Amino acid sequence: MKKRMVALLGSPHKTGSTASMLDCAVKEAMGNGWEVTVIHLYEKQIGYCQGCRACMGTGICVHHDDLQEIAGLIKSCDRVVLAAPTYWANVPAVVKNLFDRLLGTAMEETAAFPRPRLSPGQGYLLLTACNTPYPFSWIFGQSRGAIRAMNEFFKTSGMKKLGTVAFAGAKGRSHLPAGIQKRIIHALK
């Protein structure tokens, strides 16, 4: 049975640096025989979370739009790669909205601590691009903020972290430096 990867693009730019990072991961996975589903979040209809928390009982959001498709793919895949640019030291709104809507898919509430609903057999890789050049992007926490937000969701869901790759000083650069490509490929091994 082929291994399945879900590749999520959380950028509105299909040819920008963040998309190039995701493309690198997709090509590597496909070259190794993985079945890959690419999802451009900006093209999907994902309404805002209504805060009803019905998903905590059902395990999936009860408000129907494109989220159910995405949740199903995430629940049944072996690996998720999320590529999201750094906006104001965080993820873009479309990515945060996705996390909000996946609450019940990712975790179950208990009396003490949340219980993960996804599997440690599933892995995740986080990719981000930041316009702020290195080392300022790190010193001022730009890339760290986005990575923290993404990692918190997947860690709480119970998935295993494969790695993170941050591309600082990415403004106007869709061609990935060799070092960034190497880090993405290494994280997928």
N, C-alpha and C. Protein backbone atom coordinates (compact mmCIF):
# COMPACT_ATOMS: atom_id res chain seq x y z
N MET A 1 0.84 -1.18 0.00
CA MET A 1 0.00 0.00 0.00
C MET A 1 0.88 1.24 0.00
N LYS A 2 0.58 2.18 -0.88
CA LYS A 2 1.35 3.42 -0.97
C LYS A 2 1.18 4.27 0.27
N LYS A 3 2.26 4.91 0.66
CA LYS A 3 2.17 5.86 1.77
C LYS A 3 1.57 7.15 1.22
N ARG A 4 0.77 7.83 2.06
CA ARG A 4 0.06 9.03 1.62
C ARG A 4 0.52 10.26 2.38
N MET A 5 0.71 11.33 1.63
CA MET A 5 1.12 12.61 2.20
C MET A 5 0.12 13.68 1.80
N VAL A 6 -0.24 14.53 2.75
CA VAL A 6 -1.06 15.70 2.47
C VAL A 6 -0.14 16.91 2.54
N ALA A 7 -0.11 17.67 1.46
CA ALA A 7 0.74 18.86 1.36
C ALA A 7 -0.17 20.08 1.37
N LEU A 8 -0.09 20.88 2.43
CA LEU A 8 -0.96 22.04 2.60
C LEU A 8 -0.19 23.33 2.31
N LEU A 9 -0.69 24.12 1.39
CA LEU A 9 -0.09 25.43 1.11
C LEU A 9 -0.94 26.50 1.77
N GLY A 10 -0.37 27.17 2.76
CA GLY A 10 -1.06 28.23 3.48
C GLY A 10 -0.63 29.61 3.03
N SER A 11 -0.27 29.73 1.77
CA SER A 11 0.12 31.02 1.18
C SER A 11 -0.80 31.33 0.01
N PRO A 12 -1.10 32.63 -0.21
CA PRO A 12 -1.91 32.99 -1.37
C PRO A 12 -1.10 32.98 -2.66
N HIS A 13 0.22 32.83 -2.55
CA HIS A 13 1.12 32.90 -3.71
C HIS A 13 1.58 31.52 -4.14
N LYS A 14 1.08 31.04 -5.26
CA LYS A 14 1.41 29.70 -5.74
C LYS A 14 2.81 29.59 -6.32
N THR A 15 3.46 30.72 -6.56
CA THR A 15 4.80 30.69 -7.13
C THR A 15 5.82 31.38 -6.24
N GLY A 16 5.48 31.65 -5.00
CA GLY A 16 6.39 32.32 -4.08
C GLY A 16 7.33 31.35 -3.37
N SER A 17 8.07 31.88 -2.44
CA SER A 17 9.07 31.08 -1.73
C SER A 17 8.44 29.97 -0.89
N THR A 18 7.31 30.25 -0.25
CA THR A 18 6.65 29.22 0.55
C THR A 18 6.17 28.08 -0.35
N ALA A 19 5.58 28.42 -1.48
CA ALA A 19 5.13 27.41 -2.43
C ALA A 19 6.31 26.61 -2.98
N SER A 20 7.43 27.26 -3.20
CA SER A 20 8.63 26.55 -3.68
C SER A 20 9.12 25.55 -2.65
N MET A 21 9.01 25.91 -1.37
CA MET A 21 9.40 24.97 -0.32
C MET A 21 8.50 23.74 -0.34
N LEU A 22 7.19 23.97 -0.48
CA LEU A 22 6.25 22.85 -0.54
C LEU A 22 6.50 22.01 -1.78
N ASP A 23 6.74 22.66 -2.92
CA ASP A 23 7.02 21.93 -4.16
C ASP A 23 8.23 21.02 -3.99
N CYS A 24 9.24 21.48 -3.30
CA CYS A 24 10.43 20.67 -3.05
C CYS A 24 10.05 19.41 -2.27
N ALA A 25 9.25 19.58 -1.23
CA ALA A 25 8.81 18.43 -0.42
C ALA A 25 7.95 17.47 -1.24
N VAL A 26 7.05 18.02 -2.05
CA VAL A 26 6.16 17.19 -2.87
C VAL A 26 6.97 16.38 -3.87
N LYS A 27 7.90 17.01 -4.56
CA LYS A 27 8.72 16.30 -5.55
C LYS A 27 9.54 15.20 -4.90
N GLU A 28 10.09 15.47 -3.73
CA GLU A 28 10.87 14.45 -3.02
C GLU A 28 9.99 13.27 -2.65
N ALA A 29 8.82 13.54 -2.10
CA ALA A 29 7.91 12.46 -1.70
C ALA A 29 7.46 11.65 -2.90
N MET A 30 7.05 12.32 -3.97
CA MET A 30 6.59 11.61 -5.16
C MET A 30 7.72 10.78 -5.78
N GLY A 31 8.94 11.33 -5.74
CA GLY A 31 10.10 10.60 -6.24
C GLY A 31 10.39 9.33 -5.44
N ASN A 32 9.92 9.32 -4.21
CA ASN A 32 10.10 8.14 -3.36
C ASN A 32 8.85 7.27 -3.31
N GLY A 33 7.92 7.49 -4.25
CA GLY A 33 6.75 6.63 -4.39
C GLY A 33 5.55 6.96 -3.53
N TRP A 34 5.56 8.13 -2.88
CA TRP A 34 4.42 8.52 -2.05
C TRP A 34 3.27 9.01 -2.93
N GLU A 35 2.06 8.78 -2.47
CA GLU A 35 0.86 9.37 -3.08
C GLU A 35 0.65 10.71 -2.37
N VAL A 36 0.64 11.80 -3.13
CA VAL A 36 0.59 13.14 -2.53
C VAL A 36 -0.67 13.87 -2.97
N THR A 37 -1.36 14.45 -2.01
CA THR A 37 -2.50 15.32 -2.27
C THR A 37 -2.09 16.73 -1.86
N VAL A 38 -2.12 17.66 -2.81
CA VAL A 38 -1.76 19.05 -2.54
C VAL A 38 -3.04 19.86 -2.37
N ILE A 39 -3.10 20.62 -1.30
CA ILE A 39 -4.26 21.45 -1.01
C ILE A 39 -3.82 22.90 -0.87
N HIS A 40 -4.39 23.77 -1.69
CA HIS A 40 -4.14 25.21 -1.61
C HIS A 40 -5.24 25.79 -0.73
N LEU A 41 -4.91 26.12 0.50
CA LEU A 41 -5.93 26.55 1.46
C LEU A 41 -6.69 27.80 1.01
N TYR A 42 -6.02 28.69 0.28
CA TYR A 42 -6.69 29.91 -0.17
C TYR A 42 -7.75 29.63 -1.24
N GLU A 43 -7.75 28.44 -1.82
CA GLU A 43 -8.74 28.07 -2.83
C GLU A 43 -9.92 27.30 -2.22
N LYS A 44 -9.82 26.97 -0.96
CA LYS A 44 -10.86 26.18 -0.31
C LYS A 44 -11.85 27.08 0.43
N GLN A 45 -13.07 26.58 0.54
CA GLN A 45 -14.10 27.27 1.31
C GLN A 45 -14.05 26.71 2.73
N ILE A 46 -13.47 27.49 3.62
CA ILE A 46 -13.36 27.08 5.01
C ILE A 46 -13.89 28.23 5.85
N GLY A 47 -15.12 28.08 6.31
CA GLY A 47 -15.74 29.13 7.12
C GLY A 47 -15.06 29.26 8.47
N TYR A 48 -15.39 30.33 9.14
CA TYR A 48 -14.82 30.57 10.47
C TYR A 48 -15.42 29.62 11.51
N CYS A 49 -14.64 29.29 12.50
CA CYS A 49 -15.11 28.49 13.62
C CYS A 49 -16.22 29.27 14.33
N GLN A 50 -17.31 28.58 14.66
CA GLN A 50 -18.44 29.21 15.34
C GLN A 50 -18.36 29.05 16.86
N GLY A 51 -17.36 28.35 17.33
CA GLY A 51 -17.19 28.18 18.76
C GLY A 51 -18.25 27.31 19.42
N CYS A 52 -18.95 26.52 18.64
CA CYS A 52 -20.03 25.69 19.20
C CYS A 52 -19.48 24.46 19.93
N ARG A 53 -18.29 24.06 19.59
CA ARG A 53 -17.58 22.94 20.21
C ARG A 53 -18.28 21.59 20.00
N ALA A 54 -19.22 21.52 19.07
CA ALA A 54 -19.87 20.25 18.76
C ALA A 54 -18.84 19.23 18.27
N CYS A 55 -17.79 19.71 17.64
CA CYS A 55 -16.74 18.83 17.11
C CYS A 55 -16.04 18.02 18.20
N MET A 56 -16.08 18.49 19.43
CA MET A 56 -15.43 17.77 20.51
C MET A 56 -16.12 16.43 20.76
N GLY A 57 -17.41 16.36 20.46
CA GLY A 57 -18.14 15.11 20.60
C GLY A 57 -18.15 14.28 19.33
N THR A 58 -18.19 14.95 18.17
CA THR A 58 -18.29 14.24 16.90
C THR A 58 -16.94 13.86 16.31
N GLY A 59 -15.89 14.58 16.69
CA GLY A 59 -14.56 14.32 16.12
C GLY A 59 -14.33 15.05 14.81
N ILE A 60 -15.31 15.80 14.36
CA ILE A 60 -15.17 16.59 13.13
C ILE A 60 -16.18 17.74 13.19
N CYS A 61 -15.83 18.84 12.57
CA CYS A 61 -16.71 20.00 12.56
C CYS A 61 -18.06 19.66 11.93
N VAL A 62 -19.12 20.13 12.56
CA VAL A 62 -20.47 19.84 12.08
C VAL A 62 -20.96 20.84 11.03
N HIS A 63 -20.20 21.89 10.79
CA HIS A 63 -20.55 22.88 9.76
C HIS A 63 -19.88 22.46 8.46
N HIS A 64 -20.67 22.20 7.43
CA HIS A 64 -20.15 21.59 6.21
C HIS A 64 -19.64 22.60 5.20
N ASP A 65 -18.40 22.39 4.80
CA ASP A 65 -17.74 23.11 3.72
C ASP A 65 -16.55 22.25 3.31
N ASP A 66 -15.47 22.81 2.83
CA ASP A 66 -14.33 22.01 2.38
C ASP A 66 -13.51 21.42 3.53
N LEU A 67 -13.82 21.80 4.75
CA LEU A 67 -13.05 21.29 5.88
C LEU A 67 -13.17 19.78 6.03
N GLN A 68 -14.33 19.23 5.80
CA GLN A 68 -14.52 17.79 5.99
C GLN A 68 -13.57 16.99 5.09
N GLU A 69 -13.39 17.45 3.86
CA GLU A 69 -12.46 16.78 2.93
C GLU A 69 -11.04 16.83 3.50
N ILE A 70 -10.62 18.01 3.94
CA ILE A 70 -9.27 18.18 4.48
C ILE A 70 -9.07 17.35 5.73
N ALA A 71 -10.04 17.37 6.63
CA ALA A 71 -9.95 16.58 7.87
C ALA A 71 -9.83 15.09 7.56
N GLY A 72 -10.62 14.63 6.61
CA GLY A 72 -10.55 13.21 6.22
C GLY A 72 -9.19 12.82 5.68
N LEU A 73 -8.62 13.69 4.87
CA LEU A 73 -7.29 13.43 4.32
C LEU A 73 -6.23 13.42 5.41
N ILE A 74 -6.32 14.35 6.34
CA ILE A 74 -5.34 14.42 7.43
C ILE A 74 -5.47 13.18 8.32
N LYS A 75 -6.68 12.77 8.62
CA LYS A 75 -6.86 11.61 9.49
C LYS A 75 -6.33 10.32 8.86
N SER A 76 -6.37 10.23 7.54
CA SER A 76 -6.01 8.97 6.89
C SER A 76 -4.61 8.97 6.26
N CYS A 77 -3.85 10.05 6.40
CA CYS A 77 -2.53 10.10 5.76
C CYS A 77 -1.43 9.62 6.71
N ASP A 78 -0.28 9.40 6.13
CA ASP A 78 0.90 9.02 6.91
C ASP A 78 1.74 10.22 7.29
N ARG A 79 1.61 11.28 6.50
CA ARG A 79 2.46 12.46 6.70
C ARG A 79 1.73 13.71 6.23
N VAL A 80 1.93 14.81 6.97
CA VAL A 80 1.42 16.12 6.57
C VAL A 80 2.61 17.07 6.45
N VAL A 81 2.65 17.81 5.36
CA VAL A 81 3.62 18.89 5.22
C VAL A 81 2.81 20.17 5.12
N LEU A 82 3.04 21.08 6.04
CA LEU A 82 2.36 22.37 6.04
C LEU A 82 3.38 23.46 5.73
N ALA A 83 3.14 24.18 4.65
CA ALA A 83 3.98 25.31 4.27
C ALA A 83 3.16 26.58 4.41
N ALA A 84 3.59 27.46 5.31
CA ALA A 84 2.87 28.70 5.57
C ALA A 84 3.87 29.83 5.74
N PRO A 85 3.64 30.96 5.12
CA PRO A 85 4.55 32.08 5.31
C PRO A 85 4.42 32.66 6.72
N THR A 86 5.39 33.42 7.10
CA THR A 86 5.35 34.11 8.38
C THR A 86 4.72 35.47 8.16
N TYR A 87 3.60 35.71 8.82
CA TYR A 87 2.92 37.01 8.79
C TYR A 87 2.88 37.53 10.22
N TRP A 88 3.52 38.64 10.48
CA TRP A 88 3.52 39.24 11.81
C TRP A 88 3.90 38.21 12.90
N ALA A 89 4.96 37.47 12.65
CA ALA A 89 5.48 36.47 13.59
C ALA A 89 4.46 35.38 13.90
N ASN A 90 3.60 35.08 12.93
CA ASN A 90 2.60 34.05 13.11
C ASN A 90 2.22 33.49 11.75
N VAL A 91 1.22 32.62 11.73
CA VAL A 91 0.72 32.04 10.49
C VAL A 91 -0.34 32.96 9.88
N PRO A 92 -0.58 32.86 8.59
CA PRO A 92 -1.68 33.62 7.97
C PRO A 92 -3.03 33.16 8.54
N ALA A 93 -4.00 34.02 8.44
CA ALA A 93 -5.33 33.76 9.00
C ALA A 93 -5.94 32.46 8.48
N VAL A 94 -5.72 32.12 7.22
CA VAL A 94 -6.31 30.91 6.65
C VAL A 94 -5.78 29.66 7.37
N VAL A 95 -4.53 29.68 7.80
CA VAL A 95 -3.95 28.54 8.51
C VAL A 95 -4.50 28.49 9.94
N LYS A 96 -4.55 29.62 10.61
CA LYS A 96 -5.12 29.67 11.96
C LYS A 96 -6.57 29.22 11.94
N ASN A 97 -7.30 29.65 10.93
CA ASN A 97 -8.70 29.25 10.80
C ASN A 97 -8.81 27.73 10.61
N LEU A 98 -7.92 27.16 9.81
CA LEU A 98 -7.90 25.71 9.63
C LEU A 98 -7.71 25.02 10.97
N PHE A 99 -6.74 25.49 11.76
CA PHE A 99 -6.50 24.89 13.07
C PHE A 99 -7.73 24.99 13.96
N ASP A 100 -8.38 26.15 13.97
CA ASP A 100 -9.59 26.33 14.79
C ASP A 100 -10.67 25.33 14.38
N ARG A 101 -10.86 25.17 13.09
CA ARG A 101 -11.91 24.27 12.60
C ARG A 101 -11.57 22.80 12.79
N LEU A 102 -10.29 22.47 12.93
CA LEU A 102 -9.87 21.08 13.13
C LEU A 102 -9.77 20.69 14.60
N LEU A 103 -10.28 21.51 15.47
CA LEU A 103 -10.18 21.26 16.91
C LEU A 103 -10.59 19.84 17.29
N GLY A 104 -11.80 19.46 16.96
CA GLY A 104 -12.31 18.14 17.33
C GLY A 104 -11.65 17.00 16.57
N THR A 105 -11.11 17.28 15.40
CA THR A 105 -10.37 16.27 14.64
C THR A 105 -9.04 15.99 15.31
N ALA A 106 -8.44 17.01 15.88
CA ALA A 106 -7.09 16.89 16.46
C ALA A 106 -7.08 16.39 17.89
N MET A 107 -8.08 16.76 18.68
CA MET A 107 -8.01 16.40 20.09
C MET A 107 -9.39 16.14 20.69
N GLU A 108 -9.35 15.42 21.78
CA GLU A 108 -10.54 15.11 22.56
C GLU A 108 -10.33 15.71 23.95
N GLU A 109 -11.34 16.38 24.46
CA GLU A 109 -11.23 16.94 25.81
C GLU A 109 -11.45 15.86 26.85
N THR A 110 -10.65 15.93 27.90
CA THR A 110 -10.83 15.05 29.05
C THR A 110 -10.87 15.94 30.28
N ALA A 111 -11.05 15.36 31.44
CA ALA A 111 -11.11 16.14 32.67
C ALA A 111 -9.78 16.82 32.98
N ALA A 112 -8.68 16.23 32.54
CA ALA A 112 -7.36 16.78 32.87
C ALA A 112 -6.72 17.47 31.66
N PHE A 113 -6.19 16.68 30.75
CA PHE A 113 -5.47 17.22 29.60
C PHE A 113 -6.12 16.73 28.31
N PRO A 114 -5.96 17.50 27.23
CA PRO A 114 -6.49 17.04 25.94
C PRO A 114 -5.86 15.70 25.54
N ARG A 115 -6.65 14.85 24.91
CA ARG A 115 -6.15 13.57 24.41
C ARG A 115 -6.08 13.67 22.89
N PRO A 116 -4.92 13.33 22.32
CA PRO A 116 -4.76 13.41 20.86
C PRO A 116 -5.70 12.45 20.15
N ARG A 117 -6.19 12.88 19.00
CA ARG A 117 -7.04 12.01 18.18
C ARG A 117 -6.31 11.51 16.94
N LEU A 118 -5.15 12.09 16.64
CA LEU A 118 -4.37 11.60 15.51
C LEU A 118 -3.28 10.69 16.07
N SER A 119 -2.47 10.14 15.22
CA SER A 119 -1.56 9.06 15.62
C SER A 119 -0.09 9.47 15.63
N PRO A 120 0.68 8.98 16.60
CA PRO A 120 2.12 9.22 16.58
C PRO A 120 2.79 8.51 15.40
N GLY A 121 2.05 7.61 14.74
CA GLY A 121 2.54 6.98 13.51
C GLY A 121 2.48 7.92 12.32
N GLN A 122 1.79 9.03 12.47
CA GLN A 122 1.72 10.05 11.44
C GLN A 122 2.80 11.10 11.73
N GLY A 123 3.46 11.57 10.68
CA GLY A 123 4.49 12.58 10.86
C GLY A 123 4.10 13.90 10.24
N TYR A 124 4.71 14.98 10.75
CA TYR A 124 4.45 16.30 10.16
C TYR A 124 5.76 17.07 9.99
N LEU A 125 5.81 17.83 8.91
CA LEU A 125 6.93 18.70 8.59
C LEU A 125 6.39 20.10 8.42
N LEU A 126 7.03 21.07 9.06
CA LEU A 126 6.60 22.47 8.99
C LEU A 126 7.60 23.28 8.18
N LEU A 127 7.07 24.05 7.25
CA LEU A 127 7.89 24.91 6.39
C LEU A 127 7.36 26.34 6.49
N THR A 128 8.27 27.30 6.62
CA THR A 128 7.85 28.70 6.62
C THR A 128 8.88 29.55 5.92
N ALA A 129 8.42 30.60 5.30
CA ALA A 129 9.28 31.58 4.66
C ALA A 129 8.97 32.94 5.28
N CYS A 130 10.03 33.71 5.49
CA CYS A 130 9.90 34.99 6.17
C CYS A 130 10.67 36.05 5.39
N ASN A 131 10.07 37.21 5.19
CA ASN A 131 10.76 38.29 4.49
C ASN A 131 11.92 38.88 5.28
N THR A 132 11.84 38.84 6.59
CA THR A 132 12.90 39.39 7.43
C THR A 132 14.16 38.56 7.27
N PRO A 133 15.30 39.19 7.00
CA PRO A 133 16.53 38.42 6.81
C PRO A 133 17.06 37.83 8.12
N TYR A 134 17.80 36.73 7.98
CA TYR A 134 18.48 36.12 9.11
C TYR A 134 19.67 36.98 9.46
N PRO A 135 20.03 37.20 10.69
CA PRO A 135 19.53 36.61 11.93
C PRO A 135 18.39 37.39 12.57
N PHE A 136 17.98 38.49 11.94
CA PHE A 136 16.92 39.32 12.54
C PHE A 136 15.60 38.59 12.65
N SER A 137 15.31 37.72 11.68
CA SER A 137 14.07 36.94 11.74
C SER A 137 14.06 36.07 12.99
N TRP A 138 15.22 35.55 13.39
CA TRP A 138 15.31 34.71 14.58
C TRP A 138 15.36 35.56 15.85
N ILE A 139 16.19 36.59 15.83
CA ILE A 139 16.34 37.46 17.01
C ILE A 139 15.00 38.04 17.44
N PHE A 140 14.22 38.50 16.47
CA PHE A 140 12.94 39.11 16.78
C PHE A 140 11.77 38.13 16.78
N GLY A 141 12.08 36.85 16.64
CA GLY A 141 11.06 35.81 16.78
C GLY A 141 10.08 35.69 15.64
N GLN A 142 10.40 36.24 14.48
CA GLN A 142 9.46 36.20 13.37
C GLN A 142 9.13 34.76 12.97
N SER A 143 10.11 34.02 12.51
CA SER A 143 9.89 32.64 12.08
C SER A 143 9.50 31.76 13.26
N ARG A 144 10.09 31.98 14.41
CA ARG A 144 9.77 31.16 15.59
C ARG A 144 8.29 31.24 15.94
N GLY A 145 7.69 32.42 15.78
CA GLY A 145 6.27 32.57 16.11
C GLY A 145 5.39 31.70 15.22
N ALA A 146 5.65 31.71 13.93
CA ALA A 146 4.87 30.89 13.00
C ALA A 146 5.08 29.40 13.28
N ILE A 147 6.32 29.03 13.49
CA ILE A 147 6.64 27.62 13.76
C ILE A 147 5.98 27.18 15.06
N ARG A 148 6.01 28.02 16.08
CA ARG A 148 5.38 27.68 17.36
C ARG A 148 3.89 27.41 17.18
N ALA A 149 3.23 28.27 16.44
CA ALA A 149 1.78 28.12 16.23
C ALA A 149 1.47 26.82 15.48
N MET A 150 2.23 26.53 14.44
CA MET A 150 1.99 25.31 13.66
C MET A 150 2.31 24.07 14.49
N ASN A 151 3.43 24.12 15.19
CA ASN A 151 3.85 22.97 15.99
C ASN A 151 2.84 22.67 17.10
N GLU A 152 2.29 23.69 17.72
CA GLU A 152 1.34 23.49 18.81
C GLU A 152 0.14 22.67 18.34
N PHE A 153 -0.37 22.97 17.15
CA PHE A 153 -1.51 22.22 16.64
C PHE A 153 -1.16 20.75 16.45
N PHE A 154 -0.08 20.49 15.72
CA PHE A 154 0.26 19.10 15.39
C PHE A 154 0.72 18.31 16.61
N LYS A 155 1.45 18.95 17.50
CA LYS A 155 1.90 18.28 18.73
C LYS A 155 0.69 17.87 19.56
N THR A 156 -0.27 18.76 19.72
CA THR A 156 -1.48 18.46 20.49
C THR A 156 -2.29 17.35 19.83
N SER A 157 -2.25 17.27 18.50
CA SER A 157 -3.00 16.24 17.79
C SER A 157 -2.40 14.85 17.96
N GLY A 158 -1.14 14.79 18.43
CA GLY A 158 -0.50 13.50 18.67
C GLY A 158 0.45 13.04 17.59
N MET A 159 0.62 13.84 16.53
CA MET A 159 1.50 13.44 15.44
C MET A 159 2.98 13.63 15.81
N LYS A 160 3.84 12.93 15.11
CA LYS A 160 5.29 12.98 15.35
C LYS A 160 5.93 14.05 14.47
N LYS A 161 6.74 14.89 15.08
CA LYS A 161 7.41 15.97 14.36
C LYS A 161 8.60 15.41 13.57
N LEU A 162 8.61 15.72 12.27
CA LEU A 162 9.72 15.32 11.40
C LEU A 162 10.76 16.43 11.32
N GLY A 163 10.33 17.67 11.50
CA GLY A 163 11.26 18.78 11.46
C GLY A 163 10.58 20.08 11.07
N THR A 164 11.39 21.14 11.08
CA THR A 164 10.94 22.46 10.65
C THR A 164 12.04 23.06 9.80
N VAL A 165 11.63 23.80 8.79
CA VAL A 165 12.58 24.52 7.94
C VAL A 165 12.06 25.93 7.77
N ALA A 166 12.90 26.91 8.12
CA ALA A 166 12.56 28.33 7.96
C ALA A 166 13.49 28.93 6.92
N PHE A 167 12.90 29.63 5.97
CA PHE A 167 13.63 30.31 4.90
C PHE A 167 13.54 31.81 5.19
N ALA A 168 14.54 32.36 5.86
CA ALA A 168 14.58 33.79 6.19
C ALA A 168 15.08 34.59 5.00
N GLY A 169 14.66 35.85 4.93
CA GLY A 169 15.08 36.72 3.83
C GLY A 169 14.54 36.26 2.49
N ALA A 170 13.35 35.72 2.48
CA ALA A 170 12.78 35.08 1.29
C ALA A 170 12.07 36.04 0.35
N LYS A 171 11.95 37.30 0.70
CA LYS A 171 11.18 38.26 -0.11
C LYS A 171 11.64 38.26 -1.57
N GLY A 172 10.68 37.98 -2.45
CA GLY A 172 10.94 38.02 -3.88
C GLY A 172 11.80 36.87 -4.39
N ARG A 173 12.02 35.85 -3.58
CA ARG A 173 12.88 34.73 -3.98
C ARG A 173 12.05 33.45 -4.06
N SER A 174 11.72 33.03 -5.25
CA SER A 174 10.99 31.77 -5.38
C SER A 174 11.96 30.61 -5.60
N HIS A 175 13.20 30.92 -6.01
CA HIS A 175 14.20 29.87 -6.17
C HIS A 175 14.81 29.59 -4.79
N LEU A 176 14.75 28.34 -4.39
CA LEU A 176 15.24 27.96 -3.07
C LEU A 176 16.75 27.80 -3.06
N PRO A 177 17.41 28.35 -2.05
CA PRO A 177 18.85 28.09 -1.89
C PRO A 177 19.07 26.59 -1.67
N ALA A 178 20.21 26.09 -2.08
CA ALA A 178 20.53 24.66 -1.97
C ALA A 178 20.42 24.17 -0.53
N GLY A 179 20.83 25.00 0.43
CA GLY A 179 20.77 24.60 1.84
C GLY A 179 19.35 24.37 2.32
N ILE A 180 18.42 25.19 1.86
CA ILE A 180 17.01 25.04 2.24
C ILE A 180 16.46 23.75 1.62
N GLN A 181 16.76 23.53 0.35
CA GLN A 181 16.31 22.30 -0.31
C GLN A 181 16.84 21.07 0.42
N LYS A 182 18.09 21.10 0.78
CA LYS A 182 18.73 19.96 1.46
C LYS A 182 18.05 19.69 2.80
N ARG A 183 17.72 20.74 3.55
CA ARG A 183 17.06 20.56 4.85
C ARG A 183 15.67 19.97 4.69
N ILE A 184 14.93 20.39 3.66
CA ILE A 184 13.59 19.85 3.42
C ILE A 184 13.69 18.36 3.07
N ILE A 185 14.58 18.03 2.16
CA ILE A 185 14.75 16.63 1.74
C ILE A 185 15.20 15.77 2.91
N HIS A 186 16.11 16.27 3.71
CA HIS A 186 16.60 15.50 4.87
C HIS A 186 15.47 15.25 5.88
N ALA A 187 14.62 16.23 6.10
CA ALA A 187 13.52 16.09 7.07
C ALA A 187 12.52 15.01 6.62
N LEU A 188 12.42 14.79 5.32
CA LEU A 188 11.46 13.80 4.80
C LEU A 188 12.00 12.38 4.82
N LYS A 189 13.24 12.21 5.12
CA LYS A 189 13.84 10.84 5.12
C LYS A 189 13.28 10.00 6.24
